[in-house]
């Protein structure tokens, strides 16, 4: 056993260090704190100034639901308007350089069934210069999305082939 420290005060209990809450003045006086429950601390003890979040009133809940519904409706409206404005969309699937004078390009076109479109497909060189292009007539098709493959003749070695744009084909008036 060791001898007590001669520098320590004698005859009194060792003083406890104040907690961080006490040190920074965040505690209530001890007389206002409720007694702890037997067997542990009370989860609803408000002595640490942490209170459960109050529930929203019925009116606030209705306002939140209406705001969410309005947001979904606006997003759907923008989607519908965008689809009507530009009904033809495309996606590059892949390409294959077959020779120094040709490249095969595979792409998907999505549009309403029965619609006709014209897609411009270009071949690009390593410096992104256009070395070949072709217009491809697409549709009418019974499916919304159709896959197409086209061979583009090139003036020099192409390093890629992409769809530049697709436009709805205007029907010609009958004479």
C-alpha atoms as a PDB file:
ATOM      1  CA  UNK A   1       0.000   0.000   0.000  1.00  0.00           C
ATOM      2  CA  UNK A   2       1.227   3.523  -0.696  1.00  0.00           C
ATOM      3  CA  UNK A   3       1.423   6.434   1.638  1.00  0.00           C
ATOM      4  CA  UNK A   4      -1.017   9.296   1.105  1.00  0.00           C
ATOM      5  CA  UNK A   5       0.227  12.333  -0.740  1.00  0.00           C
ATOM      6  CA  UNK A   6       1.517  14.790   1.838  1.00  0.00           C
ATOM      7  CA  UNK A   7       0.534  17.748  -0.364  1.00  0.00           C
ATOM      8  CA  UNK A   8      -3.145  16.686  -0.482  1.00  0.00           C
ATOM      9  CA  UNK A   9      -5.494  18.349   2.010  1.00  0.00           C
ATOM     10  CA  UNK A  10      -6.520  16.104   4.843  1.00  0.00           C
ATOM     11  CA  UNK A  11      -9.795  15.626   6.649  1.00  0.00           C
ATOM     12  CA  UNK A  12     -12.141  16.348   3.733  1.00  0.00           C
ATOM     13  CA  UNK A  13     -13.566  14.358   0.836  1.00  0.00           C
ATOM     14  CA  UNK A  14     -11.916  14.905  -2.529  1.00  0.00           C
ATOM     15  CA  UNK A  15     -13.701  17.590  -4.541  1.00  0.00           C
ATOM     16  CA  UNK A  16     -15.394  16.478  -7.778  1.00  0.00           C
ATOM     17  CA  UNK A  17     -14.432  18.269 -10.954  1.00  0.00           C
ATOM     18  CA  UNK A  18     -17.365  20.206 -12.399  1.00  0.00           C
ATOM     19  CA  UNK A  19     -19.045  18.726 -15.447  1.00  0.00           C
ATOM     20  CA  UNK A  20     -18.792  20.512 -18.776  1.00  0.00           C
ATOM     21  CA  UNK A  21     -22.386  21.706 -18.452  1.00  0.00           C
ATOM     22  CA  UNK A  22     -21.619  23.210 -15.043  1.00  0.00           C
ATOM     23  CA  UNK A  23     -18.360  24.696 -16.258  1.00  0.00           C
ATOM     24  CA  UNK A  24     -20.093  26.570 -19.090  1.00  0.00           C
ATOM     25  CA  UNK A  25     -23.189  27.541 -17.137  1.00  0.00           C
ATOM     26  CA  UNK A  26     -25.621  25.217 -18.891  1.00  0.00           C
ATOM     27  CA  UNK A  27     -27.126  23.533 -15.868  1.00  0.00           C
ATOM     28  CA  UNK A  28     -30.070  24.381 -13.687  1.00  0.00           C
ATOM     29  CA  UNK A  29     -29.659  24.810  -9.971  1.00  0.00           C
ATOM     30  CA  UNK A  30     -29.673  21.444  -8.219  1.00  0.00           C
ATOM     31  CA  UNK A  31     -32.881  22.206  -6.339  1.00  0.00           C
ATOM     32  CA  UNK A  32     -34.911  22.331  -9.602  1.00  0.00           C
ATOM     33  CA  UNK A  33     -33.705  19.001 -10.977  1.00  0.00           C
ATOM     34  CA  UNK A  34     -36.209  16.179 -10.543  1.00  0.00           C
ATOM     35  CA  UNK A  35     -35.146  13.062  -8.730  1.00  0.00           C
ATOM     36  CA  UNK A  36     -33.827  10.252 -10.897  1.00  0.00           C
ATOM     37  CA  UNK A  37     -35.941   7.174 -11.428  1.00  0.00           C
ATOM     38  CA  UNK A  38     -34.813   4.010  -9.719  1.00  0.00           C
ATOM     39  CA  UNK A  39     -32.695   1.801 -11.927  1.00  0.00           C
ATOM     40  CA  UNK A  40     -31.409   4.447 -14.332  1.00  0.00           C
ATOM     41  CA  UNK A  41     -31.832   7.877 -15.776  1.00  0.00           C
ATOM     42  CA  UNK A  42     -35.133   9.271 -16.983  1.00  0.00           C
ATOM     43  CA  UNK A  43     -35.197   9.603 -20.801  1.00  0.00           C
ATOM     44  CA  UNK A  44     -37.526  12.610 -20.503  1.00  0.00           C
ATOM     45  CA  UNK A  45     -35.334  14.388 -17.988  1.00  0.00           C
ATOM     46  CA  UNK A  46     -35.385  18.027 -19.055  1.00  0.00           C
ATOM     47  CA  UNK A  47     -32.559  19.104 -16.767  1.00  0.00           C
ATOM     48  CA  UNK A  48     -30.140  19.229 -19.694  1.00  0.00           C
ATOM     49  CA  UNK A  49     -32.404  21.595 -21.695  1.00  0.00           C
ATOM     50  CA  UNK A  50     -33.023  18.907 -24.324  1.00  0.00           C
ATOM     51  CA  UNK A  51     -36.711  18.459 -24.881  1.00  0.00           C
ATOM     52  CA  UNK A  52     -38.530  16.175 -27.296  1.00  0.00           C
ATOM     53  CA  UNK A  53     -39.472  17.840 -30.556  1.00  0.00           C
ATOM     54  CA  UNK A  54     -43.059  19.051 -30.481  1.00  0.00           C
ATOM     55  CA  UNK A  55     -45.358  17.324 -32.957  1.00  0.00           C
ATOM     56  CA  UNK A  56     -46.776  19.256 -35.884  1.00  0.00           C
ATOM     57  CA  UNK A  57     -50.308  20.453 -35.596  1.00  0.00           C
ATOM     58  CA  UNK A  58     -52.964  19.036 -37.915  1.00  0.00           C
ATOM     59  CA  UNK A  59     -52.920  22.217 -40.001  1.00  0.00           C
ATOM     60  CA  UNK A  60     -49.145  22.054 -40.385  1.00  0.00           C
ATOM     61  CA  UNK A  61     -49.315  18.393 -41.427  1.00  0.00           C
ATOM     62  CA  UNK A  62     -51.942  19.225 -44.051  1.00  0.00           C
ATOM     63  CA  UNK A  63     -49.773  22.096 -45.328  1.00  0.00           C
ATOM     64  CA  UNK A  64     -46.748  19.784 -45.661  1.00  0.00           C
ATOM     65  CA  UNK A  65     -48.780  17.159 -47.540  1.00  0.00           C
ATOM     66  CA  UNK A  66     -50.241  19.804 -49.875  1.00  0.00           C
ATOM     67  CA  UNK A  67     -46.786  21.255 -50.546  1.00  0.00           C
ATOM     68  CA  UNK A  68     -45.408  17.802 -51.413  1.00  0.00           C
ATOM     69  CA  UNK A  69     -48.384  17.064 -53.676  1.00  0.00           C
ATOM     70  CA  UNK A  70     -47.924  20.408 -55.435  1.00  0.00           C
ATOM     71  CA  UNK A  71     -44.229  19.662 -55.969  1.00  0.00           C
ATOM     72  CA  UNK A  72     -44.977  16.270 -57.509  1.00  0.00           C
ATOM     73  CA  UNK A  73     -47.678  17.796 -59.747  1.00  0.00           C
ATOM     74  CA  UNK A  74     -45.318  20.526 -60.970  1.00  0.00           C
ATOM     75  CA  UNK A  75     -42.571  17.979 -61.735  1.00  0.00           C
ATOM     76  CA  UNK A  76     -45.058  15.829 -63.684  1.00  0.00           C
ATOM     77  CA  UNK A  77     -46.303  18.872 -65.603  1.00  0.00           C
ATOM     78  CA  UNK A  78     -42.743  19.849 -66.624  1.00  0.00           C
ATOM     79  CA  UNK A  79     -42.093  16.274 -67.764  1.00  0.00           C
ATOM     80  CA  UNK A  80     -45.246  16.189 -69.895  1.00  0.00           C
ATOM     81  CA  UNK A  81     -44.557  19.592 -71.447  1.00  0.00           C
ATOM     82  CA  UNK A  82     -40.958  18.599 -72.237  1.00  0.00           C
ATOM     83  CA  UNK A  83     -42.129  15.359 -73.857  1.00  0.00           C
ATOM     84  CA  UNK A  84     -44.667  17.206 -75.997  1.00  0.00           C
ATOM     85  CA  UNK A  85     -42.122  19.849 -77.003  1.00  0.00           C
ATOM     86  CA  UNK A  86     -39.425  17.321 -77.974  1.00  0.00           C
ATOM     87  CA  UNK A  87     -41.040  13.891 -78.437  1.00  0.00           C
ATOM     88  CA  UNK A  88     -37.964  12.293 -80.053  1.00  0.00           C
ATOM     89  CA  UNK A  89     -35.020  11.297 -77.874  1.00  0.00           C
ATOM     90  CA  UNK A  90     -31.953   9.261 -78.741  1.00  0.00           C
ATOM     91  CA  UNK A  91     -29.158   7.405 -76.984  1.00  0.00           C
ATOM     92  CA  UNK A  92     -25.826   6.322 -78.404  1.00  0.00           C
ATOM     93  CA  UNK A  93     -25.332   2.582 -77.868  1.00  0.00           C
ATOM     94  CA  UNK A  94     -21.952   2.000 -79.501  1.00  0.00           C
ATOM     95  CA  UNK A  95     -19.739   2.270 -82.524  1.00  0.00           C
ATOM     96  CA  UNK A  96     -17.247   0.128 -84.394  1.00  0.00           C
ATOM     97  CA  UNK A  97     -14.505   1.433 -86.675  1.00  0.00           C
ATOM     98  CA  UNK A  98     -14.554  -1.050 -89.539  1.00  0.00           C
ATOM     99  CA  UNK A  99     -11.830   0.570 -91.677  1.00  0.00           C
ATOM    100  CA  UNK A 100     -10.113   3.881 -92.344  1.00  0.00           C
ATOM    101  CA  UNK A 101     -13.077   4.762 -94.546  1.00  0.00           C
ATOM    102  CA  UNK A 102     -16.089   3.557 -92.534  1.00  0.00           C
ATOM    103  CA  UNK A 103     -17.571   3.389 -89.040  1.00  0.00           C
ATOM    104  CA  UNK A 104     -20.692   1.558 -87.849  1.00  0.00           C
ATOM    105  CA  UNK A 105     -22.866   3.393 -85.290  1.00  0.00           C
ATOM    106  CA  UNK A 106     -25.611   1.754 -83.191  1.00  0.00           C
ATOM    107  CA  UNK A 107     -28.201   3.969 -81.467  1.00  0.00           C
ATOM    108  CA  UNK A 108     -31.670   3.867 -79.902  1.00  0.00           C
ATOM    109  CA  UNK A 109     -34.464   6.267 -80.814  1.00  0.00           C
ATOM    110  CA  UNK A 110     -37.486   6.767 -78.542  1.00  0.00           C
ATOM    111  CA  UNK A 111     -40.617   8.455 -79.843  1.00  0.00           C
ATOM    112  CA  UNK A 112     -44.383   7.945 -79.800  1.00  0.00           C
ATOM    113  CA  UNK A 113     -45.490   4.964 -81.936  1.00  0.00           C
ATOM    114  CA  UNK A 114     -46.347   5.978 -85.498  1.00  0.00           C
ATOM    115  CA  UNK A 115     -44.015   9.002 -85.482  1.00  0.00           C
ATOM    116  CA  UNK A 116     -41.347   9.493 -88.126  1.00  0.00           C
ATOM    117  CA  UNK A 117     -38.019  11.204 -87.482  1.00  0.00           C
ATOM    118  CA  UNK A 118     -34.732  12.038 -89.168  1.00  0.00           C
ATOM    119  CA  UNK A 119     -31.521  11.532 -87.176  1.00  0.00           C
ATOM    120  CA  UNK A 120     -28.161  12.988 -88.161  1.00  0.00           C
ATOM    121  CA  UNK A 121     -25.303  10.619 -87.272  1.00  0.00           C
ATOM    122  CA  UNK A 122     -21.719  11.864 -87.480  1.00  0.00           C
ATOM    123  CA  UNK A 123     -18.259  10.293 -87.419  1.00  0.00           C
ATOM    124  CA  UNK A 124     -15.500  12.230 -85.662  1.00  0.00           C
ATOM    125  CA  UNK A 125     -11.709  12.093 -85.918  1.00  0.00           C
ATOM    126  CA  UNK A 126      -9.270  12.086 -83.024  1.00  0.00           C
ATOM    127  CA  UNK A 127      -9.316  15.916 -83.013  1.00  0.00           C
ATOM    128  CA  UNK A 128     -13.177  15.875 -82.922  1.00  0.00           C
ATOM    129  CA  UNK A 129     -13.394  17.066 -86.522  1.00  0.00           C
ATOM    130  CA  UNK A 130     -16.380  15.730 -88.467  1.00  0.00           C
ATOM    131  CA  UNK A 131     -15.099  13.205 -91.020  1.00  0.00           C
ATOM    132  CA  UNK A 132     -18.457  11.803 -92.119  1.00  0.00           C
ATOM    133  CA  UNK A 133     -22.199  12.242 -91.636  1.00  0.00           C
ATOM    134  CA  UNK A 134     -25.443  10.643 -92.720  1.00  0.00           C
ATOM    135  CA  UNK A 135     -29.151  11.395 -92.215  1.00  0.00           C
ATOM    136  CA  UNK A 136     -31.153   8.335 -91.162  1.00  0.00           C
ATOM    137  CA  UNK A 137     -34.936   8.178 -91.538  1.00  0.00           C
ATOM    138  CA  UNK A 138     -36.460   6.448 -88.522  1.00  0.00           C
ATOM    139  CA  UNK A 139     -39.995   5.091 -88.073  1.00  0.00           C
ATOM    140  CA  UNK A 140     -42.864   4.826 -88.104  1.00  0.00           C
ATOM    141  CA  UNK A 141     -42.571   2.004 -85.616  1.00  0.00           C
ATOM    142  CA  UNK A 142     -45.076   0.230 -83.380  1.00  0.00           C
ATOM    143  CA  UNK A 143     -42.688   0.244 -80.382  1.00  0.00           C
ATOM    144  CA  UNK A 144     -41.738   3.363 -78.443  1.00  0.00           C
ATOM    145  CA  UNK A 145     -37.994   2.621 -78.634  1.00  0.00           C
ATOM    146  CA  UNK A 146     -36.203   1.075 -81.604  1.00  0.00           C
ATOM    147  CA  UNK A 147     -32.531   0.235 -82.149  1.00  0.00           C
ATOM    148  CA  UNK A 148     -30.859   1.276 -85.407  1.00  0.00           C
ATOM    149  CA  UNK A 149     -27.467   0.633 -86.987  1.00  0.00           C
ATOM    150  CA  UNK A 150     -25.905   2.691 -89.757  1.00  0.00           C
ATOM    151  CA  UNK A 151     -22.585   2.655 -91.610  1.00  0.00           C
ATOM    152  CA  UNK A 152     -20.989   6.048 -92.231  1.00  0.00           C
ATOM    153  CA  UNK A 153     -18.461   6.576 -95.003  1.00  0.00           C
ATOM    154  CA  UNK A 154     -15.536   8.658 -93.732  1.00  0.00           C
ATOM    155  CA  UNK A 155     -12.881  10.820 -95.387  1.00  0.00           C
ATOM    156  CA  UNK A 156     -10.206   9.674 -92.917  1.00  0.00           C
ATOM    157  CA  UNK A 157      -9.893   7.405 -89.887  1.00  0.00           C
ATOM    158  CA  UNK A 158     -12.758   8.025 -87.456  1.00  0.00           C
ATOM    159  CA  UNK A 159     -12.308   7.439 -83.737  1.00  0.00           C
ATOM    160  CA  UNK A 160     -15.982   7.662 -82.792  1.00  0.00           C
ATOM    161  CA  UNK A 161     -19.482   7.812 -84.184  1.00  0.00           C
ATOM    162  CA  UNK A 162     -22.372   9.610 -82.446  1.00  0.00           C
ATOM    163  CA  UNK A 163     -25.912  10.797 -83.047  1.00  0.00           C
ATOM    164  CA  UNK A 164     -25.823  14.574 -83.440  1.00  0.00           C
ATOM    165  CA  UNK A 165     -29.576  15.199 -83.268  1.00  0.00           C
ATOM    166  CA  UNK A 166     -32.995  13.788 -84.157  1.00  0.00           C
ATOM    167  CA  UNK A 167     -35.973  15.805 -85.353  1.00  0.00           C
ATOM    168  CA  UNK A 168     -39.595  14.873 -85.986  1.00  0.00           C
ATOM    169  CA  UNK A 169     -40.199  14.491 -89.698  1.00  0.00           C
ATOM    170  CA  UNK A 170     -42.898  16.815 -90.870  1.00  0.00           C
ATOM    171  CA  UNK A 171     -45.477  15.034 -93.011  1.00  0.00           C
ATOM    172  CA  UNK A 172     -45.758  16.416 -96.515  1.00  0.00           C
ATOM    173  CA  UNK A 173     -49.199  17.652 -97.579  1.00  0.00           C
ATOM    174  CA  UNK A 174     -50.954  15.539-100.235  1.00  0.00           C
ATOM    175  CA  UNK A 175     -51.451  17.335-103.541  1.00  0.00           C
END
